[in-house]
């Protein structure tokens, strides 16, 4: 069974992206396409990464605009049949609802607080913190607007799960195996910690894609998660 991991395919070109996606697809449930890769290659990148596999494609575009504009964008993106599409929860209730209505067969995931932001950064942009409180407020708003998933730090997953209940998919970036470089993430956890906190889908990028063998790295993390799940069962 594929591990609940979304590998962030932040590749420099589409050929590398396709190679990474093919390598990890036997071991993980999902590959994630970010804004940079999508803007460079457009819709073709989705079909290329999906290839002949059953791997799900997560379009992490973080849409944030007026409701009509987001609805139009979501409607066009829905034709690509991604499993997940992100929008910023800070765009508000009407914007999230517009995305949900425009892409009914795609899970709209609302990004609560970016994992690159700490409490000081939140204060700098005028958002009431601390980050956990901000994430909880945005999570409730997003779910009430129809979002089926939330993106949050693994450190906030348990609180958000208690807030929104079991029916909402929690997606956690900022996941790093023990000893891995934090990179540009401020609020991180190991894969095992994130799952234990209630996350459903773990976003992992560089620890897999920068490994000498991305497929082997994905398989290793997937095996560690299976061992952790068996130990807790």
C-alpha atoms as a PDB file:
ATOM      1  CA  UNK A   1       0.000   0.000   0.000  1.00  0.00           C
ATOM      2  CA  UNK A   2       1.345   3.430  -0.953  1.00  0.00           C
ATOM      3  CA  UNK A   3       2.443   5.609   1.950  1.00  0.00           C
ATOM      4  CA  UNK A   4       0.460   8.790   2.726  1.00  0.00           C
ATOM      5  CA  UNK A   5       3.225  10.999   1.354  1.00  0.00           C
ATOM      6  CA  UNK A   6       3.003  13.781  -1.234  1.00  0.00           C
ATOM      7  CA  UNK A   7       6.458  14.169  -2.762  1.00  0.00           C
ATOM      8  CA  UNK A   8       7.112  17.807  -3.647  1.00  0.00           C
ATOM      9  CA  UNK A   9       8.439  17.615  -7.200  1.00  0.00           C
ATOM     10  CA  UNK A  10      10.307  20.914  -7.222  1.00  0.00           C
ATOM     11  CA  UNK A  11      12.489  19.995 -10.185  1.00  0.00           C
ATOM     12  CA  UNK A  12      14.500  22.349 -12.426  1.00  0.00           C
ATOM     13  CA  UNK A  13      12.953  20.921 -15.606  1.00  0.00           C
ATOM     14  CA  UNK A  14      10.144  18.642 -16.716  1.00  0.00           C
ATOM     15  CA  UNK A  15      12.435  15.735 -17.595  1.00  0.00           C
ATOM     16  CA  UNK A  16      13.840  15.623 -14.068  1.00  0.00           C
ATOM     17  CA  UNK A  17      10.347  16.017 -12.645  1.00  0.00           C
ATOM     18  CA  UNK A  18       9.111  13.040 -14.667  1.00  0.00           C
ATOM     19  CA  UNK A  19      12.077  10.935 -13.556  1.00  0.00           C
ATOM     20  CA  UNK A  20      11.511  11.740  -9.890  1.00  0.00           C
ATOM     21  CA  UNK A  21       7.769  11.088 -10.144  1.00  0.00           C
ATOM     22  CA  UNK A  22       8.343   7.722 -11.817  1.00  0.00           C
ATOM     23  CA  UNK A  23      10.879   6.743  -9.146  1.00  0.00           C
ATOM     24  CA  UNK A  24       8.654   7.535  -6.170  1.00  0.00           C
ATOM     25  CA  UNK A  25       5.257   6.501  -7.584  1.00  0.00           C
ATOM     26  CA  UNK A  26       5.502   2.841  -6.442  1.00  0.00           C
ATOM     27  CA  UNK A  27       6.003   3.944  -2.829  1.00  0.00           C
ATOM     28  CA  UNK A  28       3.835   7.039  -2.217  1.00  0.00           C
ATOM     29  CA  UNK A  29       0.228   8.010  -2.814  1.00  0.00           C
ATOM     30  CA  UNK A  30       0.773  11.465  -4.280  1.00  0.00           C
ATOM     31  CA  UNK A  31       3.121  13.776  -6.176  1.00  0.00           C
ATOM     32  CA  UNK A  32       2.872  17.516  -5.611  1.00  0.00           C
ATOM     33  CA  UNK A  33       3.329  20.158  -8.313  1.00  0.00           C
ATOM     34  CA  UNK A  34       4.149  23.619  -7.043  1.00  0.00           C
ATOM     35  CA  UNK A  35       3.688  27.033  -8.568  1.00  0.00           C
ATOM     36  CA  UNK A  36       7.146  27.328 -10.130  1.00  0.00           C
ATOM     37  CA  UNK A  37       6.966  24.092 -12.113  1.00  0.00           C
ATOM     38  CA  UNK A  38       3.347  24.697 -13.148  1.00  0.00           C
ATOM     39  CA  UNK A  39       4.059  28.209 -14.407  1.00  0.00           C
ATOM     40  CA  UNK A  40       7.052  27.020 -16.396  1.00  0.00           C
ATOM     41  CA  UNK A  41       5.384  24.087 -18.159  1.00  0.00           C
ATOM     42  CA  UNK A  42       1.655  24.605 -17.736  1.00  0.00           C
ATOM     43  CA  UNK A  43      -0.976  21.868 -17.734  1.00  0.00           C
ATOM     44  CA  UNK A  44       1.253  19.357 -19.559  1.00  0.00           C
ATOM     45  CA  UNK A  45       3.256  18.852 -16.380  1.00  0.00           C
ATOM     46  CA  UNK A  46       0.271  17.170 -14.731  1.00  0.00           C
ATOM     47  CA  UNK A  47      -0.069  14.485 -17.411  1.00  0.00           C
ATOM     48  CA  UNK A  48       3.691  14.062 -17.560  1.00  0.00           C
ATOM     49  CA  UNK A  49       4.036  13.430 -13.830  1.00  0.00           C
ATOM     50  CA  UNK A  50       0.987  11.207 -13.674  1.00  0.00           C
ATOM     51  CA  UNK A  51       2.360   9.126 -16.541  1.00  0.00           C
ATOM     52  CA  UNK A  52       1.022   5.592 -16.606  1.00  0.00           C
ATOM     53  CA  UNK A  53       0.881   5.308 -12.821  1.00  0.00           C
ATOM     54  CA  UNK A  54      -2.007   5.504 -10.382  1.00  0.00           C
ATOM     55  CA  UNK A  55      -0.296   8.215  -8.350  1.00  0.00           C
ATOM     56  CA  UNK A  56      -2.487  11.180  -7.424  1.00  0.00           C
ATOM     57  CA  UNK A  57      -1.466  14.684  -8.484  1.00  0.00           C
ATOM     58  CA  UNK A  58      -1.688  17.504  -5.949  1.00  0.00           C
ATOM     59  CA  UNK A  59      -1.622  20.978  -7.508  1.00  0.00           C
ATOM     60  CA  UNK A  60      -0.207  23.313  -4.894  1.00  0.00           C
ATOM     61  CA  UNK A  61      -0.965  26.659  -6.539  1.00  0.00           C
ATOM     62  CA  UNK A  62      -2.252  28.481  -3.442  1.00  0.00           C
ATOM     63  CA  UNK A  63      -4.851  30.541  -5.292  1.00  0.00           C
ATOM     64  CA  UNK A  64      -5.660  33.855  -3.599  1.00  0.00           C
ATOM     65  CA  UNK A  65      -7.759  36.472  -5.393  1.00  0.00           C
ATOM     66  CA  UNK A  66     -11.314  37.738  -5.581  1.00  0.00           C
ATOM     67  CA  UNK A  67     -13.934  34.943  -5.661  1.00  0.00           C
ATOM     68  CA  UNK A  68     -14.771  35.287  -9.363  1.00  0.00           C
ATOM     69  CA  UNK A  69     -11.135  35.052 -10.411  1.00  0.00           C
ATOM     70  CA  UNK A  70     -10.434  32.060  -8.190  1.00  0.00           C
ATOM     71  CA  UNK A  71     -13.575  30.335  -9.466  1.00  0.00           C
ATOM     72  CA  UNK A  72     -12.432  30.775 -13.054  1.00  0.00           C
ATOM     73  CA  UNK A  73      -8.958  29.482 -12.279  1.00  0.00           C
ATOM     74  CA  UNK A  74     -10.299  26.501 -10.326  1.00  0.00           C
ATOM     75  CA  UNK A  75     -12.710  25.640 -13.144  1.00  0.00           C
ATOM     76  CA  UNK A  76      -9.860  25.511 -15.647  1.00  0.00           C
ATOM     77  CA  UNK A  77      -7.616  23.529 -13.309  1.00  0.00           C
ATOM     78  CA  UNK A  78     -10.411  21.020 -12.609  1.00  0.00           C
ATOM     79  CA  UNK A  79     -10.138  19.816 -16.226  1.00  0.00           C
ATOM     80  CA  UNK A  80      -6.726  18.387 -15.337  1.00  0.00           C
ATOM     81  CA  UNK A  81      -8.358  16.183 -12.666  1.00  0.00           C
ATOM     82  CA  UNK A  82      -5.959  16.857  -9.800  1.00  0.00           C
ATOM     83  CA  UNK A  83      -6.857  15.127  -6.559  1.00  0.00           C
ATOM     84  CA  UNK A  84      -6.099  18.254  -4.522  1.00  0.00           C
ATOM     85  CA  UNK A  85      -5.887  21.994  -5.269  1.00  0.00           C
ATOM     86  CA  UNK A  86      -4.741  24.558  -2.707  1.00  0.00           C
ATOM     87  CA  UNK A  87      -6.140  28.000  -2.026  1.00  0.00           C
ATOM     88  CA  UNK A  88      -5.189  30.438   0.732  1.00  0.00           C
ATOM     89  CA  UNK A  89      -7.665  30.377   3.608  1.00  0.00           C
ATOM     90  CA  UNK A  90      -6.848  34.053   4.144  1.00  0.00           C
ATOM     91  CA  UNK A  91      -8.713  34.762   0.893  1.00  0.00           C
ATOM     92  CA  UNK A  92     -11.908  34.440   2.905  1.00  0.00           C
ATOM     93  CA  UNK A  93     -15.087  32.408   3.059  1.00  0.00           C
ATOM     94  CA  UNK A  94     -16.558  33.514  -0.284  1.00  0.00           C
ATOM     95  CA  UNK A  95     -13.334  32.832  -2.177  1.00  0.00           C
ATOM     96  CA  UNK A  96     -12.994  29.327  -0.743  1.00  0.00           C
ATOM     97  CA  UNK A  97     -16.645  28.551  -1.470  1.00  0.00           C
ATOM     98  CA  UNK A  98     -16.189  29.755  -5.062  1.00  0.00           C
ATOM     99  CA  UNK A  99     -13.281  27.346  -5.564  1.00  0.00           C
ATOM    100  CA  UNK A 100     -15.234  24.457  -4.057  1.00  0.00           C
ATOM    101  CA  UNK A 101     -18.185  25.090  -6.357  1.00  0.00           C
ATOM    102  CA  UNK A 102     -15.994  25.480  -9.455  1.00  0.00           C
ATOM    103  CA  UNK A 103     -14.043  22.243  -8.907  1.00  0.00           C
ATOM    104  CA  UNK A 104     -16.501  19.785  -7.346  1.00  0.00           C
ATOM    105  CA  UNK A 105     -14.434  16.668  -8.105  1.00  0.00           C
ATOM    106  CA  UNK A 106     -11.212  18.067  -6.648  1.00  0.00           C
ATOM    107  CA  UNK A 107     -10.542  18.382  -2.927  1.00  0.00           C
ATOM    108  CA  UNK A 108     -10.005  22.064  -2.198  1.00  0.00           C
ATOM    109  CA  UNK A 109      -7.311  22.356   0.468  1.00  0.00           C
ATOM    110  CA  UNK A 110      -7.131  25.628   2.356  1.00  0.00           C
ATOM    111  CA  UNK A 111      -3.674  26.748   3.433  1.00  0.00           C
ATOM    112  CA  UNK A 112      -3.897  28.056   6.994  1.00  0.00           C
ATOM    113  CA  UNK A 113      -0.514  29.514   8.022  1.00  0.00           C
ATOM    114  CA  UNK A 114       2.552  28.924   5.851  1.00  0.00           C
ATOM    115  CA  UNK A 115       5.115  26.726   7.593  1.00  0.00           C
ATOM    116  CA  UNK A 116       7.814  29.269   6.730  1.00  0.00           C
ATOM    117  CA  UNK A 117       6.170  31.810   9.084  1.00  0.00           C
ATOM    118  CA  UNK A 118       6.835  32.016  12.785  1.00  0.00           C
ATOM    119  CA  UNK A 119       4.959  34.171  15.300  1.00  0.00           C
ATOM    120  CA  UNK A 120       7.157  37.206  14.656  1.00  0.00           C
ATOM    121  CA  UNK A 121       6.554  36.962  10.908  1.00  0.00           C
ATOM    122  CA  UNK A 122       2.810  36.709  11.471  1.00  0.00           C
ATOM    123  CA  UNK A 123       2.882  39.865  13.543  1.00  0.00           C
ATOM    124  CA  UNK A 124       4.846  41.560  10.771  1.00  0.00           C
ATOM    125  CA  UNK A 125       2.062  40.974   8.248  1.00  0.00           C
ATOM    126  CA  UNK A 126      -0.615  42.096  10.688  1.00  0.00           C
ATOM    127  CA  UNK A 127      -2.110  38.699  11.503  1.00  0.00           C
ATOM    128  CA  UNK A 128      -3.125  37.979  15.089  1.00  0.00           C
ATOM    129  CA  UNK A 129      -1.052  35.131  16.483  1.00  0.00           C
ATOM    130  CA  UNK A 130       0.262  32.973  17.847  1.00  0.00           C
ATOM    131  CA  UNK A 131       0.443  30.734  14.781  1.00  0.00           C
ATOM    132  CA  UNK A 132      -1.672  27.984  16.344  1.00  0.00           C
ATOM    133  CA  UNK A 133      -4.538  30.372  17.097  1.00  0.00           C
ATOM    134  CA  UNK A 134      -4.352  31.882  13.603  1.00  0.00           C
ATOM    135  CA  UNK A 135      -4.365  28.419  12.027  1.00  0.00           C
ATOM    136  CA  UNK A 136      -7.382  27.341  14.078  1.00  0.00           C
ATOM    137  CA  UNK A 137      -9.402  30.431  13.109  1.00  0.00           C
ATOM    138  CA  UNK A 138      -8.598  29.978   9.427  1.00  0.00           C
ATOM    139  CA  UNK A 139      -9.285  26.237   9.576  1.00  0.00           C
ATOM    140  CA  UNK A 140     -12.789  26.709  10.965  1.00  0.00           C
ATOM    141  CA  UNK A 141     -13.568  29.393   8.387  1.00  0.00           C
ATOM    142  CA  UNK A 142     -12.321  27.195   5.529  1.00  0.00           C
ATOM    143  CA  UNK A 143     -14.241  24.095   6.568  1.00  0.00           C
ATOM    144  CA  UNK A 144     -17.430  26.126   6.993  1.00  0.00           C
ATOM    145  CA  UNK A 145     -16.886  27.368   3.428  1.00  0.00           C
ATOM    146  CA  UNK A 146     -16.691  23.806   2.107  1.00  0.00           C
ATOM    147  CA  UNK A 147     -12.967  23.001   2.044  1.00  0.00           C
ATOM    148  CA  UNK A 148     -12.373  19.245   2.278  1.00  0.00           C
ATOM    149  CA  UNK A 149      -8.736  19.559   3.343  1.00  0.00           C
ATOM    150  CA  UNK A 150      -6.472  21.865   5.307  1.00  0.00           C
ATOM    151  CA  UNK A 151      -2.762  22.570   5.010  1.00  0.00           C
ATOM    152  CA  UNK A 152      -1.103  23.184   8.357  1.00  0.00           C
ATOM    153  CA  UNK A 153       2.141  22.700  10.224  1.00  0.00           C
ATOM    154  CA  UNK A 154       2.507  19.248  11.790  1.00  0.00           C
ATOM    155  CA  UNK A 155       2.831  21.079  15.087  1.00  0.00           C
ATOM    156  CA  UNK A 156      -0.769  22.314  14.656  1.00  0.00           C
ATOM    157  CA  UNK A 157      -2.295  19.092  13.327  1.00  0.00           C
ATOM    158  CA  UNK A 158      -3.579  17.745  16.645  1.00  0.00           C
ATOM    159  CA  UNK A 159      -5.299  21.010  17.559  1.00  0.00           C
ATOM    160  CA  UNK A 160      -6.860  21.380  14.103  1.00  0.00           C
ATOM    161  CA  UNK A 161      -8.050  17.768  14.165  1.00  0.00           C
ATOM    162  CA  UNK A 162      -9.793  18.442  17.482  1.00  0.00           C
ATOM    163  CA  UNK A 163     -11.291  21.611  16.003  1.00  0.00           C
ATOM    164  CA  UNK A 164     -12.642  20.264  12.682  1.00  0.00           C
ATOM    165  CA  UNK A 165     -13.224  16.573  13.388  1.00  0.00           C
ATOM    166  CA  UNK A 166     -12.244  13.388  11.542  1.00  0.00           C
ATOM    167  CA  UNK A 167     -13.772  14.072   8.129  1.00  0.00           C
ATOM    168  CA  UNK A 168     -11.275  16.706   6.967  1.00  0.00           C
ATOM    169  CA  UNK A 169      -7.962  15.727   5.359  1.00  0.00           C
ATOM    170  CA  UNK A 170      -4.988  17.322   7.109  1.00  0.00           C
ATOM    171  CA  UNK A 171      -1.982  17.929   4.885  1.00  0.00           C
ATOM    172  CA  UNK A 172       1.288  18.785   6.603  1.00  0.00           C
ATOM    173  CA  UNK A 173       4.314  20.326   4.915  1.00  0.00           C
ATOM    174  CA  UNK A 174       7.361  20.991   7.066  1.00  0.00           C
ATOM    175  CA  UNK A 175       7.950  17.240   7.450  1.00  0.00           C
ATOM    176  CA  UNK A 176      11.601  16.217   7.760  1.00  0.00           C
ATOM    177  CA  UNK A 177      13.098  12.846   8.725  1.00  0.00           C
ATOM    178  CA  UNK A 178      15.170  13.037  11.913  1.00  0.00           C
ATOM    179  CA  UNK A 179      18.476  14.762  11.227  1.00  0.00           C
ATOM    180  CA  UNK A 180      17.425  16.321   7.918  1.00  0.00           C
ATOM    181  CA  UNK A 181      18.040  19.998   7.161  1.00  0.00           C
ATOM    182  CA  UNK A 182      15.030  22.219   7.996  1.00  0.00           C
ATOM    183  CA  UNK A 183      15.594  24.299   4.841  1.00  0.00           C
ATOM    184  CA  UNK A 184      13.216  27.280   4.746  1.00  0.00           C
ATOM    185  CA  UNK A 185      10.662  25.709   7.085  1.00  0.00           C
ATOM    186  CA  UNK A 186      10.181  27.223  10.553  1.00  0.00           C
ATOM    187  CA  UNK A 187       7.716  24.726  12.101  1.00  0.00           C
ATOM    188  CA  UNK A 188       8.703  21.116  11.387  1.00  0.00           C
ATOM    189  CA  UNK A 189       8.262  17.536  12.620  1.00  0.00           C
ATOM    190  CA  UNK A 190       9.384  14.054  11.646  1.00  0.00           C
ATOM    191  CA  UNK A 191       7.038  11.905   9.497  1.00  0.00           C
ATOM    192  CA  UNK A 192       6.239   9.701  12.494  1.00  0.00           C
ATOM    193  CA  UNK A 193       5.442  12.720  14.683  1.00  0.00           C
ATOM    194  CA  UNK A 194       3.204  14.242  11.996  1.00  0.00           C
ATOM    195  CA  UNK A 195       1.157  11.057  11.592  1.00  0.00           C
ATOM    196  CA  UNK A 196       0.848  10.643  15.348  1.00  0.00           C
ATOM    197  CA  UNK A 197      -0.462  14.212  15.573  1.00  0.00           C
ATOM    198  CA  UNK A 198      -3.294  13.386  13.172  1.00  0.00           C
ATOM    199  CA  UNK A 199      -1.943  14.287   9.724  1.00  0.00           C
ATOM    200  CA  UNK A 200      -3.369  12.373   6.761  1.00  0.00           C
ATOM    201  CA  UNK A 201      -0.900  13.380   4.038  1.00  0.00           C
ATOM    202  CA  UNK A 202       2.738  14.335   4.609  1.00  0.00           C
ATOM    203  CA  UNK A 203       4.444  16.696   2.185  1.00  0.00           C
ATOM    204  CA  UNK A 204       8.110  15.755   1.821  1.00  0.00           C
ATOM    205  CA  UNK A 205      10.390  17.241  -0.809  1.00  0.00           C
ATOM    206  CA  UNK A 206      14.144  17.657  -0.563  1.00  0.00           C
ATOM    207  CA  UNK A 207      14.852  14.704   1.776  1.00  0.00           C
ATOM    208  CA  UNK A 208      13.545  12.528  -1.085  1.00  0.00           C
ATOM    209  CA  UNK A 209      14.263  14.433  -4.290  1.00  0.00           C
ATOM    210  CA  UNK A 210      17.793  15.485  -3.317  1.00  0.00           C
ATOM    211  CA  UNK A 211      18.766  11.946  -2.328  1.00  0.00           C
ATOM    212  CA  UNK A 212      21.111  10.043  -4.616  1.00  0.00           C
ATOM    213  CA  UNK A 213      18.233   7.625  -5.282  1.00  0.00           C
ATOM    214  CA  UNK A 214      14.822   9.332  -4.782  1.00  0.00           C
ATOM    215  CA  UNK A 215      12.958   6.054  -5.177  1.00  0.00           C
ATOM    216  CA  UNK A 216      14.989   4.385  -2.453  1.00  0.00           C
ATOM    217  CA  UNK A 217      14.601   7.415  -0.176  1.00  0.00           C
ATOM    218  CA  UNK A 218      10.813   7.352  -0.640  1.00  0.00           C
ATOM    219  CA  UNK A 219      10.733   3.603   0.017  1.00  0.00           C
ATOM    220  CA  UNK A 220      12.781   4.039   3.202  1.00  0.00           C
ATOM    221  CA  UNK A 221      10.494   6.728   4.629  1.00  0.00           C
ATOM    222  CA  UNK A 222       7.403   4.715   3.641  1.00  0.00           C
ATOM    223  CA  UNK A 223       8.793   1.653   5.439  1.00  0.00           C
ATOM    224  CA  UNK A 224       9.518   3.709   8.563  1.00  0.00           C
ATOM    225  CA  UNK A 225       5.925   4.964   8.572  1.00  0.00           C
ATOM    226  CA  UNK A 226       4.569   1.433   8.261  1.00  0.00           C
ATOM    227  CA  UNK A 227       6.724   0.331  11.214  1.00  0.00           C
ATOM    228  CA  UNK A 228       5.486   3.284  13.268  1.00  0.00           C
ATOM    229  CA  UNK A 229       1.851   2.491  12.433  1.00  0.00           C
ATOM    230  CA  UNK A 230       2.327  -1.173  13.356  1.00  0.00           C
ATOM    231  CA  UNK A 231       3.968  -0.233  16.649  1.00  0.00           C
ATOM    232  CA  UNK A 232       1.071   2.040  17.582  1.00  0.00           C
ATOM    233  CA  UNK A 233      -1.655  -0.393  16.525  1.00  0.00           C
END
